[in-house]
Amino acid sequence: MDSIAGDDAAVAAALTAVRSGGVAADPEIKEDLMDLMFPCPEDLRSLAARTFDRLLNPAENEWYGLWALSNGIDQVAAEFEPYRQALSRS
């Protein structure tokens, strides 16, 4: 996964988790998120959950590699965790 696609995928998956109602929106995006109304059927929630799994898998993953090189992958994984948990409960 290239780094730009990874960033876009992370945002989309996080928005899906928030829209699913299982996690609170980050204050920085909360106002903007309220303008984004979209349904969150089970297949979309499942895809979002798989997105986090893929982002955190180092195989053929430029996005992961760049975070790992900067010693930030553990922090990113921790920041993703509330969203991953919300998607697993929904």
PDB file of N, CA and C in Angstrom:
ATOM      1  N   MET A   1       0.860  -1.161   0.000  1.00  0.00           N
ATOM      2  CA  MET A   1       0.000   0.000   0.000  1.00  0.00           C
ATOM      3  C   MET A   1       0.908   1.225   0.000  1.00  0.00           C
ATOM      4  N   ASP A   2       0.646   2.160  -0.918  1.00  0.00           N
ATOM      5  CA  ASP A   2       1.480   3.361  -0.911  1.00  0.00           C
ATOM      6  C   ASP A   2       1.036   4.295   0.215  1.00  0.00           C
ATOM      7  N   SER A   3       1.904   5.237   0.534  1.00  0.00           N
ATOM      8  CA  SER A   3       1.661   6.050   1.729  1.00  0.00           C
ATOM      9  C   SER A   3       0.441   6.958   1.608  1.00  0.00           C
ATOM     10  N   ILE A   4       0.194   7.521   0.439  1.00  0.00           N
ATOM     11  CA  ILE A   4      -0.970   8.402   0.284  1.00  0.00           C
ATOM     12  C   ILE A   4      -2.260   7.602   0.372  1.00  0.00           C
ATOM     13  N   ALA A   5      -2.301   6.458  -0.282  1.00  0.00           N
ATOM     14  CA  ALA A   5      -3.495   5.607  -0.196  1.00  0.00           C
ATOM     15  C   ALA A   5      -3.720   5.160   1.241  1.00  0.00           C
ATOM     16  N   GLY A   6      -2.647   4.889   1.972  1.00  0.00           N
ATOM     17  CA  GLY A   6      -2.776   4.492   3.369  1.00  0.00           C
ATOM     18  C   GLY A   6      -3.378   5.588   4.226  1.00  0.00           C
ATOM     19  N   ASP A   7      -2.935   6.810   4.000  1.00  0.00           N
ATOM     20  CA  ASP A   7      -3.505   7.940   4.749  1.00  0.00           C
ATOM     21  C   ASP A   7      -4.994   8.087   4.465  1.00  0.00           C
ATOM     22  N   ASP A   8      -5.356   8.027   3.188  1.00  0.00           N
ATOM     23  CA  ASP A   8      -6.768   8.151   2.807  1.00  0.00           C
ATOM     24  C   ASP A   8      -7.603   7.023   3.401  1.00  0.00           C
ATOM     25  N   ALA A   9      -7.059   5.806   3.358  1.00  0.00           N
ATOM     26  CA  ALA A   9      -7.782   4.652   3.893  1.00  0.00           C
ATOM     27  C   ALA A   9      -7.980   4.776   5.400  1.00  0.00           C
ATOM     28  N   ALA A  10      -6.960   5.269   6.101  1.00  0.00           N
ATOM     29  CA  ALA A  10      -7.065   5.435   7.553  1.00  0.00           C
ATOM     30  C   ALA A  10      -8.160   6.431   7.912  1.00  0.00           C
ATOM     31  N   VAL A  11      -8.217   7.537   7.193  1.00  0.00           N
ATOM     32  CA  VAL A  11      -9.250   8.547   7.455  1.00  0.00           C
ATOM     33  C   VAL A  11     -10.632   7.972   7.191  1.00  0.00           C
ATOM     34  N   ALA A  12     -10.801   7.291   6.069  1.00  0.00           N
ATOM     35  CA  ALA A  12     -12.107   6.720   5.732  1.00  0.00           C
ATOM     36  C   ALA A  12     -12.543   5.686   6.769  1.00  0.00           C
ATOM     37  N   ALA A  13     -11.619   4.847   7.207  1.00  0.00           N
ATOM     38  CA  ALA A  13     -11.960   3.829   8.201  1.00  0.00           C
ATOM     39  C   ALA A  13     -12.320   4.469   9.543  1.00  0.00           C
ATOM     40  N   ALA A  14     -11.581   5.501   9.944  1.00  0.00           N
ATOM     41  CA  ALA A  14     -11.885   6.183  11.205  1.00  0.00           C
ATOM     42  C   ALA A  14     -13.242   6.877  11.142  1.00  0.00           C
ATOM     43  N   LEU A  15     -13.540   7.525  10.028  1.00  0.00           N
ATOM     44  CA  LEU A  15     -14.845   8.175   9.875  1.00  0.00           C
ATOM     45  C   LEU A  15     -15.973   7.155   9.944  1.00  0.00           C
ATOM     46  N   THR A  16     -15.753   5.999   9.349  1.00  0.00           N
ATOM     47  CA  THR A  16     -16.763   4.945   9.399  1.00  0.00           C
ATOM     48  C   THR A  16     -16.973   4.482  10.836  1.00  0.00           C
ATOM     49  N   ALA A  17     -15.893   4.330  11.588  1.00  0.00           N
ATOM     50  CA  ALA A  17     -16.013   3.917  12.990  1.00  0.00           C
ATOM     51  C   ALA A  17     -16.797   4.942  13.796  1.00  0.00           C
ATOM     52  N   VAL A  18     -16.514   6.213  13.580  1.00  0.00           N
ATOM     53  CA  VAL A  18     -17.221   7.269  14.307  1.00  0.00           C
ATOM     54  C   VAL A  18     -18.688   7.288  13.902  1.00  0.00           C
ATOM     55  N   ARG A  19     -18.965   7.205  12.616  1.00  0.00           N
ATOM     56  CA  ARG A  19     -20.347   7.209  12.131  1.00  0.00           C
ATOM     57  C   ARG A  19     -21.122   6.004  12.647  1.00  0.00           C
ATOM     58  N   SER A  20     -20.425   4.916  12.915  1.00  0.00           N
ATOM     59  CA  SER A  20     -21.084   3.715  13.438  1.00  0.00           C
ATOM     60  C   SER A  20     -21.521   3.894  14.881  1.00  0.00           C
ATOM     61  N   GLY A  21     -21.014   4.930  15.530  1.00  0.00           N
ATOM     62  CA  GLY A  21     -21.459   5.258  16.878  1.00  0.00           C
ATOM     63  C   GLY A  21     -20.688   4.617  17.998  1.00  0.00           C
ATOM     64  N   GLY A  22     -19.622   3.913  17.708  1.00  0.00           N
ATOM     65  CA  GLY A  22     -18.912   3.216  18.765  1.00  0.00           C
ATOM     66  C   GLY A  22     -17.752   3.964  19.376  1.00  0.00           C
ATOM     67  N   VAL A  23     -17.425   5.123  18.819  1.00  0.00           N
ATOM     68  CA  VAL A  23     -16.282   5.885  19.319  1.00  0.00           C
ATOM     69  C   VAL A  23     -16.558   7.368  19.078  1.00  0.00           C
ATOM     70  N   ALA A  24     -16.062   8.192  19.977  1.00  0.00           N
ATOM     71  CA  ALA A  24     -16.259   9.639  19.837  1.00  0.00           C
ATOM     72  C   ALA A  24     -15.301  10.203  18.798  1.00  0.00           C
ATOM     73  N   ALA A  25     -15.755  11.200  18.092  1.00  0.00           N
ATOM     74  CA  ALA A  25     -14.912  11.855  17.095  1.00  0.00           C
ATOM     75  C   ALA A  25     -13.831  12.674  17.774  1.00  0.00           C
ATOM     76  N   ASP A  26     -12.678  12.701  17.170  1.00  0.00           N
ATOM     77  CA  ASP A  26     -11.604  13.582  17.604  1.00  0.00           C
ATOM     78  C   ASP A  26     -12.131  15.016  17.540  1.00  0.00           C
ATOM     79  N   PRO A  27     -11.881  15.831  18.545  1.00  0.00           N
ATOM     80  CA  PRO A  27     -12.401  17.204  18.531  1.00  0.00           C
ATOM     81  C   PRO A  27     -12.009  17.997  17.282  1.00  0.00           C
ATOM     82  N   GLU A  28     -10.863  17.672  16.687  1.00  0.00           N
ATOM     83  CA  GLU A  28     -10.409  18.392  15.502  1.00  0.00           C
ATOM     84  C   GLU A  28     -11.292  18.134  14.286  1.00  0.00           C
ATOM     85  N   ILE A  29     -11.959  16.995  14.247  1.00  0.00           N
ATOM     86  CA  ILE A  29     -12.784  16.671  13.072  1.00  0.00           C
ATOM     87  C   ILE A  29     -14.271  16.634  13.369  1.00  0.00           C
ATOM     88  N   LYS A  30     -14.630  16.768  14.631  1.00  0.00           N
ATOM     89  CA  LYS A  30     -16.026  16.572  15.019  1.00  0.00           C
ATOM     90  C   LYS A  30     -16.987  17.470  14.244  1.00  0.00           C
ATOM     91  N   GLU A  31     -16.678  18.751  14.129  1.00  0.00           N
ATOM     92  CA  GLU A  31     -17.576  19.667  13.432  1.00  0.00           C
ATOM     93  C   GLU A  31     -17.700  19.300  11.955  1.00  0.00           C
ATOM     94  N   ASP A  32     -16.580  19.012  11.310  1.00  0.00           N
ATOM     95  CA  ASP A  32     -16.621  18.623   9.900  1.00  0.00           C
ATOM     96  C   ASP A  32     -17.369  17.312   9.706  1.00  0.00           C
ATOM     97  N   LEU A  33     -17.213  16.405  10.636  1.00  0.00           N
ATOM     98  CA  LEU A  33     -17.860  15.107  10.520  1.00  0.00           C
ATOM     99  C   LEU A  33     -19.376  15.222  10.549  1.00  0.00           C
ATOM    100  N   MET A  34     -19.880  16.160  11.303  1.00  0.00           N
ATOM    101  CA  MET A  34     -21.326  16.316  11.392  1.00  0.00           C
ATOM    102  C   MET A  34     -21.946  16.664  10.038  1.00  0.00           C
ATOM    103  N   ASP A  35     -21.147  17.223   9.144  1.00  0.00           N
ATOM    104  CA  ASP A  35     -21.630  17.538   7.799  1.00  0.00           C
ATOM    105  C   ASP A  35     -21.613  16.319   6.878  1.00  0.00           C
ATOM    106  N   LEU A  36     -20.951  15.266   7.276  1.00  0.00           N
ATOM    107  CA  LEU A  36     -20.837  14.067   6.446  1.00  0.00           C
ATOM    108  C   LEU A  36     -21.839  13.013   6.905  1.00  0.00           C
ATOM    109  N   MET A  37     -22.926  12.945   6.249  1.00  0.00           N
ATOM    110  CA  MET A  37     -23.930  11.943   6.590  1.00  0.00           C
ATOM    111  C   MET A  37     -23.837  10.813   5.568  1.00  0.00           C
ATOM    112  N   PHE A  38     -23.599   9.620   6.041  1.00  0.00           N
ATOM    113  CA  PHE A  38     -23.578   8.461   5.160  1.00  0.00           C
ATOM    114  C   PHE A  38     -23.968   7.238   5.972  1.00  0.00           C
ATOM    115  N   PRO A  39     -24.613   6.277   5.321  1.00  0.00           N
ATOM    116  CA  PRO A  39     -25.004   5.067   6.035  1.00  0.00           C
ATOM    117  C   PRO A  39     -23.777   4.199   6.313  1.00  0.00           C
ATOM    118  N   CYS A  40     -23.860   3.400   7.349  1.00  0.00           N
ATOM    119  CA  CYS A  40     -22.766   2.497   7.716  1.00  0.00           C
ATOM    120  C   CYS A  40     -23.276   1.065   7.814  1.00  0.00           C
ATOM    121  N   PRO A  41     -23.594   0.458   6.680  1.00  0.00           N
ATOM    122  CA  PRO A  41     -24.049  -0.928   6.726  1.00  0.00           C
ATOM    123  C   PRO A  41     -22.906  -1.854   7.162  1.00  0.00           C
ATOM    124  N   GLU A  42     -23.250  -3.059   7.499  1.00  0.00           N
ATOM    125  CA  GLU A  42     -22.286  -4.034   8.002  1.00  0.00           C
ATOM    126  C   GLU A  42     -21.103  -4.219   7.054  1.00  0.00           C
ATOM    127  N   ASP A  43     -21.352  -4.262   5.751  1.00  0.00           N
ATOM    128  CA  ASP A  43     -20.235  -4.486   4.828  1.00  0.00           C
ATOM    129  C   ASP A  43     -19.237  -3.325   4.845  1.00  0.00           C
ATOM    130  N   LEU A  44     -19.699  -2.115   5.040  1.00  0.00           N
ATOM    131  CA  LEU A  44     -18.793  -0.966   5.133  1.00  0.00           C
ATOM    132  C   LEU A  44     -17.997  -1.013   6.435  1.00  0.00           C
ATOM    133  N   ARG A  45     -18.648  -1.364   7.530  1.00  0.00           N
ATOM    134  CA  ARG A  45     -17.940  -1.486   8.813  1.00  0.00           C
ATOM    135  C   ARG A  45     -16.889  -2.589   8.752  1.00  0.00           C
ATOM    136  N   SER A  46     -17.231  -3.695   8.095  1.00  0.00           N
ATOM    137  CA  SER A  46     -16.282  -4.799   7.940  1.00  0.00           C
ATOM    138  C   SER A  46     -15.078  -4.375   7.101  1.00  0.00           C
ATOM    139  N   LEU A  47     -15.331  -3.658   6.031  1.00  0.00           N
ATOM    140  CA  LEU A  47     -14.246  -3.162   5.183  1.00  0.00           C
ATOM    141  C   LEU A  47     -13.354  -2.195   5.961  1.00  0.00           C
ATOM    142  N   ALA A  48     -13.948  -1.334   6.755  1.00  0.00           N
ATOM    143  CA  ALA A  48     -13.167  -0.395   7.564  1.00  0.00           C
ATOM    144  C   ALA A  48     -12.291  -1.144   8.568  1.00  0.00           C
ATOM    145  N   ALA A  49     -12.828  -2.176   9.197  1.00  0.00           N
ATOM    146  CA  ALA A  49     -12.043  -2.971  10.148  1.00  0.00           C
ATOM    147  C   ALA A  49     -10.869  -3.648   9.444  1.00  0.00           C
ATOM    148  N   ARG A  50     -11.113  -4.193   8.266  1.00  0.00           N
ATOM    149  CA  ARG A  50     -10.041  -4.834   7.501  1.00  0.00           C
ATOM    150  C   ARG A  50      -8.999  -3.809   7.053  1.00  0.00           C
ATOM    151  N   THR A  51      -9.428  -2.580   6.842  1.00  0.00           N
ATOM    152  CA  THR A  51      -8.493  -1.520   6.455  1.00  0.00           C
ATOM    153  C   THR A  51      -7.457  -1.301   7.547  1.00  0.00           C
ATOM    154  N   PHE A  52      -7.897  -1.224   8.805  1.00  0.00           N
ATOM    155  CA  PHE A  52      -6.933  -1.059   9.895  1.00  0.00           C
ATOM    156  C   PHE A  52      -5.990  -2.257   9.967  1.00  0.00           C
ATOM    157  N   ASP A  53      -6.518  -3.466   9.773  1.00  0.00           N
ATOM    158  CA  ASP A  53      -5.664  -4.655   9.780  1.00  0.00           C
ATOM    159  C   ASP A  53      -4.601  -4.558   8.692  1.00  0.00           C
ATOM    160  N   ARG A  54      -4.997  -4.131   7.507  1.00  0.00           N
ATOM    161  CA  ARG A  54      -4.057  -4.018   6.384  1.00  0.00           C
ATOM    162  C   ARG A  54      -3.019  -2.932   6.644  1.00  0.00           C
ATOM    163  N   LEU A  55      -3.452  -1.802   7.163  1.00  0.00           N
ATOM    164  CA  LEU A  55      -2.510  -0.718   7.435  1.00  0.00           C
ATOM    165  C   LEU A  55      -1.427  -1.139   8.420  1.00  0.00           C
ATOM    166  N   LEU A  56      -1.769  -1.995   9.352  1.00  0.00           N
ATOM    167  CA  LEU A  56      -0.817  -2.406  10.386  1.00  0.00           C
ATOM    168  C   LEU A  56      -0.085  -3.694  10.049  1.00  0.00           C
ATOM    169  N   ASN A  57      -0.212  -4.158   8.800  1.00  0.00           N
ATOM    170  CA  ASN A  57       0.504  -5.335   8.318  1.00  0.00           C
ATOM    171  C   ASN A  57       1.689  -4.844   7.483  1.00  0.00           C
ATOM    172  N   PRO A  58       2.915  -5.179   7.859  1.00  0.00           N
ATOM    173  CA  PRO A  58       4.073  -4.637   7.153  1.00  0.00           C
ATOM    174  C   PRO A  58       4.296  -5.186   5.739  1.00  0.00           C
ATOM    175  N   ALA A  59       3.644  -6.260   5.370  1.00  0.00           N
ATOM    176  CA  ALA A  59       3.877  -6.881   4.061  1.00  0.00           C
ATOM    177  C   ALA A  59       3.476  -5.943   2.918  1.00  0.00           C
ATOM    178  N   GLU A  60       4.442  -5.655   2.040  1.00  0.00           N
ATOM    179  CA  GLU A  60       4.197  -4.816   0.859  1.00  0.00           C
ATOM    180  C   GLU A  60       3.417  -3.550   1.220  1.00  0.00           C
ATOM    181  N   ASN A  61       3.915  -2.831   2.199  1.00  0.00           N
ATOM    182  CA  ASN A  61       3.167  -1.712   2.744  1.00  0.00           C
ATOM    183  C   ASN A  61       4.093  -0.518   2.984  1.00  0.00           C
ATOM    184  N   GLU A  62       4.180   0.362   1.992  1.00  0.00           N
ATOM    185  CA  GLU A  62       5.006   1.560   2.106  1.00  0.00           C
ATOM    186  C   GLU A  62       4.546   2.429   3.282  1.00  0.00           C
ATOM    187  N   TRP A  63       3.238   2.533   3.462  1.00  0.00           N
ATOM    188  CA  TRP A  63       2.676   3.343   4.540  1.00  0.00           C
ATOM    189  C   TRP A  63       3.226   2.875   5.886  1.00  0.00           C
ATOM    190  N   TYR A  64       3.155   1.563   6.142  1.00  0.00           N
ATOM    191  CA  TYR A  64       3.664   0.988   7.384  1.00  0.00           C
ATOM    192  C   TYR A  64       5.169   1.240   7.504  1.00  0.00           C
ATOM    193  N   GLY A  65       5.874   1.019   6.412  1.00  0.00           N
ATOM    194  CA  GLY A  65       7.322   1.180   6.428  1.00  0.00           C
ATOM    195  C   GLY A  65       7.759   2.580   6.811  1.00  0.00           C
ATOM    196  N   LEU A  66       7.070   3.577   6.292  1.00  0.00           N
ATOM    197  CA  LEU A  66       7.424   4.958   6.628  1.00  0.00           C
ATOM    198  C   LEU A  66       7.168   5.261   8.101  1.00  0.00           C
ATOM    199  N   TRP A  67       6.057   4.757   8.631  1.00  0.00           N
ATOM    200  CA  TRP A  67       5.796   4.962  10.059  1.00  0.00           C
ATOM    201  C   TRP A  67       6.809   4.201  10.906  1.00  0.00           C
ATOM    202  N   ALA A  68       7.178   3.003  10.467  1.00  0.00           N
ATOM    203  CA  ALA A  68       8.157   2.218  11.214  1.00  0.00           C
ATOM    204  C   ALA A  68       9.528   2.902  11.201  1.00  0.00           C
ATOM    205  N   LEU A  69       9.930   3.444  10.048  1.00  0.00           N
ATOM    206  CA  LEU A  69      11.213   4.144   9.956  1.00  0.00           C
ATOM    207  C   LEU A  69      11.286   5.345  10.888  1.00  0.00           C
ATOM    208  N   SER A  70      10.162   5.979  11.104  1.00  0.00           N
ATOM    209  CA  SER A  70      10.142   7.152  11.986  1.00  0.00           C
ATOM    210  C   SER A  70       9.888   6.769  13.446  1.00  0.00           C
ATOM    211  N   ASN A  71       9.872   5.462  13.711  1.00  0.00           N
ATOM    212  CA  ASN A  71       9.596   4.937  15.053  1.00  0.00           C
ATOM    213  C   ASN A  71       8.230   5.360  15.573  1.00  0.00           C
ATOM    214  N   GLY A  72       7.273   5.537  14.662  1.00  0.00           N
ATOM    215  CA  GLY A  72       5.945   5.979  15.064  1.00  0.00           C
ATOM    216  C   GLY A  72       4.852   4.944  14.920  1.00  0.00           C
ATOM    217  N   ILE A  73       5.186   3.749  14.440  1.00  0.00           N
ATOM    218  CA  ILE A  73       4.131   2.773  14.151  1.00  0.00           C
ATOM    219  C   ILE A  73       3.397   2.332  15.418  1.00  0.00           C
ATOM    220  N   ASP A  74       4.087   2.216  16.532  1.00  0.00           N
ATOM    221  CA  ASP A  74       3.409   1.814  17.772  1.00  0.00           C
ATOM    222  C   ASP A  74       2.415   2.878  18.231  1.00  0.00           C
ATOM    223  N   GLN A  75       2.785   4.138  18.090  1.00  0.00           N
ATOM    224  CA  GLN A  75       1.872   5.220  18.466  1.00  0.00           C
ATOM    225  C   GLN A  75       0.661   5.244  17.537  1.00  0.00           C
ATOM    226  N   VAL A  76       0.896   5.072  16.243  1.00  0.00           N
ATOM    227  CA  VAL A  76      -0.211   5.050  15.285  1.00  0.00           C
ATOM    228  C   VAL A  76      -1.148   3.889  15.595  1.00  0.00           C
ATOM    229  N   ALA A  77      -0.583   2.720  15.869  1.00  0.00           N
ATOM    230  CA  ALA A  77      -1.410   1.556  16.201  1.00  0.00           C
ATOM    231  C   ALA A  77      -2.248   1.833  17.447  1.00  0.00           C
ATOM    232  N   ALA A  78      -1.666   2.478  18.433  1.00  0.00           N
ATOM    233  CA  ALA A  78      -2.408   2.812  19.657  1.00  0.00           C
ATOM    234  C   ALA A  78      -3.528   3.809  19.366  1.00  0.00           C
ATOM    235  N   GLU A  79      -3.258   4.762  18.480  1.00  0.00           N
ATOM    236  CA  GLU A  79      -4.289   5.742  18.135  1.00  0.00           C
ATOM    237  C   GLU A  79      -5.419   5.115  17.325  1.00  0.00           C
ATOM    238  N   PHE A  80      -5.121   4.091  16.551  1.00  0.00           N
ATOM    239  CA  PHE A  80      -6.150   3.381  15.784  1.00  0.00           C
ATOM    240  C   PHE A  80      -7.035   2.513  16.676  1.00  0.00           C
ATOM    241  N   GLU A  81      -6.521   2.071  17.805  1.00  0.00           N
ATOM    242  CA  GLU A  81      -7.200   1.051  18.604  1.00  0.00           C
ATOM    243  C   GLU A  81      -8.643   1.391  18.977  1.00  0.00           C
ATOM    244  N   PRO A  82      -8.983   2.588  19.421  1.00  0.00           N
ATOM    245  CA  PRO A  82     -10.396   2.857  19.734  1.00  0.00           C
ATOM    246  C   PRO A  82     -11.312   2.676  18.519  1.00  0.00           C
ATOM    247  N   TYR A  83     -10.808   3.038  17.354  1.00  0.00           N
ATOM    248  CA  TYR A  83     -11.603   2.890  16.134  1.00  0.00           C
ATOM    249  C   TYR A  83     -11.765   1.415  15.770  1.00  0.00           C
ATOM    250  N   ARG A  84     -10.685   0.663  15.911  1.00  0.00           N
ATOM    251  CA  ARG A  84     -10.750  -0.781  15.635  1.00  0.00           C
ATOM    252  C   ARG A  84     -11.738  -1.460  16.588  1.00  0.00           C
ATOM    253  N   GLN A  85     -11.672  -1.093  17.859  1.00  0.00           N
ATOM    254  CA  GLN A  85     -12.581  -1.674  18.848  1.00  0.00           C
ATOM    255  C   GLN A  85     -14.032  -1.318  18.529  1.00  0.00           C
ATOM    256  N   ALA A  86     -14.272  -0.086  18.145  1.00  0.00           N
ATOM    257  CA  ALA A  86     -15.638   0.341  17.810  1.00  0.00           C
ATOM    258  C   ALA A  86     -16.183  -0.462  16.641  1.00  0.00           C
ATOM    259  N   LEU A  87     -15.353  -0.704  15.651  1.00  0.00           N
ATOM    260  CA  LEU A  87     -15.808  -1.466  14.487  1.00  0.00           C
ATOM    261  C   LEU A  87     -16.040  -2.930  14.837  1.00  0.00           C
ATOM    262  N   SER A  88     -15.290  -3.461  15.784  1.00  0.00           N
ATOM    263  CA  SER A  88     -15.488  -4.864  16.163  1.00  0.00           C
ATOM    264  C   SER A  88     -16.762  -5.047  16.987  1.00  0.00           C
ATOM    265  N   ARG A  89     -17.232  -3.974  17.633  1.00  0.00           N
ATOM    266  CA  ARG A  89     -18.461  -4.049  18.434  1.00  0.00           C
ATOM    267  C   ARG A  89     -19.707  -3.757  17.612  1.00  0.00           C
ATOM    268  N   SER A  90     -19.543  -3.076  16.494  1.00  0.00           N
ATOM    269  CA  SER A  90     -20.731  -2.644  15.742  1.00  0.00           C
ATOM    270  C   SER A  90     -21.258  -3.726  14.828  1.00  0.00           C
TER     271      SER A  90
END
